[in-house]
Amino acid sequence: CRTHADELAHLERRFCQAYSAYIEPGRLDRWAPVLIGETERENRVAGHAVSEPVLIGDPDMAAATVRDGVDGPRVPMVRMSDAIKRVSA
């Protein structure tokens, strides 16, 4: 970890908040096939190379997660006018 010791508590808190929101009941009907961390996201945005991820855990469960994951937003987005038309129909 290349984080300074004084920043670890902040990163831990942010991770816990994000993870808690992710596992909230009713929110796991859709998920991304692969979850990246904050550092990987920042490196990608900056154009830096990122390392291949390391699998920790059950390879079969990981394969199922990737297979069943959905690219795109976990929460469907629809234009308000289209939603109103569907409800009114």
Protein backbone atom coordinates (compact mmCIF):
# COMPACT_ATOMS: atom_id res chain seq x y z
CA CYS A 1 0.00 0.00 0.00
CA ARG A 2 1.47 3.34 -1.00
CA THR A 3 -0.75 5.33 1.31
CA HIS A 4 0.73 7.40 4.12
CA ALA A 5 -0.14 6.10 7.57
CA ASP A 6 -2.05 9.26 8.47
CA GLU A 7 -4.39 8.70 5.49
CA LEU A 8 -5.25 5.06 6.27
CA ALA A 9 -8.10 5.83 8.68
CA HIS A 10 -9.73 8.04 6.03
CA LEU A 11 -9.38 5.36 3.34
CA GLU A 12 -10.73 2.70 5.69
CA ARG A 13 -13.77 4.84 6.48
CA ARG A 14 -14.43 5.50 2.78
CA PHE A 15 -14.10 1.82 1.95
CA CYS A 16 -16.47 0.83 4.78
CA GLN A 17 -19.04 3.40 3.65
CA ALA A 18 -18.85 2.26 0.03
CA TYR A 19 -19.02 -1.41 0.95
CA SER A 20 -21.95 -0.86 3.31
CA ALA A 21 -23.86 0.92 0.57
CA TYR A 22 -23.02 -1.86 -1.86
CA ILE A 23 -24.29 -4.67 0.37
CA GLU A 24 -27.44 -2.84 1.48
CA PRO A 25 -30.45 -5.17 1.19
CA GLY A 26 -32.15 -5.02 -2.18
CA ARG A 27 -29.15 -3.52 -3.97
CA LEU A 28 -27.53 -6.72 -5.21
CA ASP A 29 -29.85 -7.43 -8.11
CA ARG A 30 -27.26 -5.84 -10.42
CA TRP A 31 -23.51 -5.48 -10.01
CA ALA A 32 -20.45 -4.70 -12.05
CA PRO A 33 -18.56 -7.77 -13.25
CA VAL A 34 -15.35 -6.39 -11.74
CA LEU A 35 -15.01 -3.85 -8.94
CA ILE A 36 -11.94 -1.66 -9.09
CA GLY A 37 -10.43 0.33 -6.28
CA GLU A 38 -9.95 4.05 -6.00
CA THR A 39 -6.26 3.86 -6.86
CA GLU A 40 -6.88 1.82 -10.00
CA ARG A 41 -9.58 4.26 -11.11
CA GLU A 42 -7.24 7.22 -10.59
CA ASN A 43 -4.42 5.46 -12.44
CA ARG A 44 -6.67 4.65 -15.39
CA VAL A 45 -7.92 8.24 -15.59
CA ALA A 46 -4.31 9.48 -15.52
CA GLY A 47 -3.39 7.06 -18.30
CA HIS A 48 -1.09 4.92 -16.15
CA ALA A 49 -0.79 1.17 -16.61
CA VAL A 50 -2.62 -0.97 -14.08
CA SER A 51 -1.57 -4.39 -12.88
CA GLU A 52 -3.62 -7.51 -13.46
CA PRO A 53 -5.82 -8.15 -10.41
CA VAL A 54 -5.01 -10.94 -7.98
CA LEU A 55 -7.82 -13.33 -7.15
CA ILE A 56 -8.35 -13.86 -3.45
CA GLY A 57 -10.99 -16.47 -2.68
CA ASP A 58 -12.95 -19.10 -4.55
CA PRO A 59 -12.18 -19.05 -8.30
CA ASP A 60 -15.60 -20.54 -9.19
CA MET A 61 -17.47 -17.88 -7.22
CA ALA A 62 -15.32 -15.17 -8.80
CA ALA A 63 -16.05 -16.54 -12.28
CA ALA A 64 -19.80 -16.53 -11.50
CA THR A 65 -19.58 -12.92 -10.29
CA VAL A 66 -17.89 -11.83 -13.52
CA ARG A 67 -20.25 -13.94 -15.66
CA ASP A 68 -23.42 -12.57 -14.05
CA GLY A 69 -22.24 -8.99 -13.64
CA VAL A 70 -23.72 -6.19 -15.68
CA ASP A 71 -21.77 -3.39 -17.32
CA GLY A 72 -23.40 -0.05 -16.79
CA PRO A 73 -25.25 1.55 -13.91
CA ARG A 74 -26.64 -0.67 -11.15
CA VAL A 75 -29.70 1.54 -10.96
CA PRO A 76 -31.64 1.82 -14.22
CA MET A 77 -31.91 5.36 -15.59
CA VAL A 78 -34.82 6.52 -17.72
CA ARG A 79 -35.81 9.96 -18.89
CA MET A 80 -38.58 11.31 -16.68
CA SER A 81 -40.88 11.96 -19.65
CA ASP A 82 -40.53 8.31 -20.77
CA ALA A 83 -41.26 7.06 -17.23
CA ILE A 84 -44.40 9.19 -17.02
CA LYS A 85 -45.60 7.84 -20.37
CA ARG A 86 -45.15 4.24 -19.14
CA VAL A 87 -47.03 4.91 -15.90
CA SER A 88 -49.81 6.78 -17.68
CA ALA A 89 -50.33 4.10 -20.33
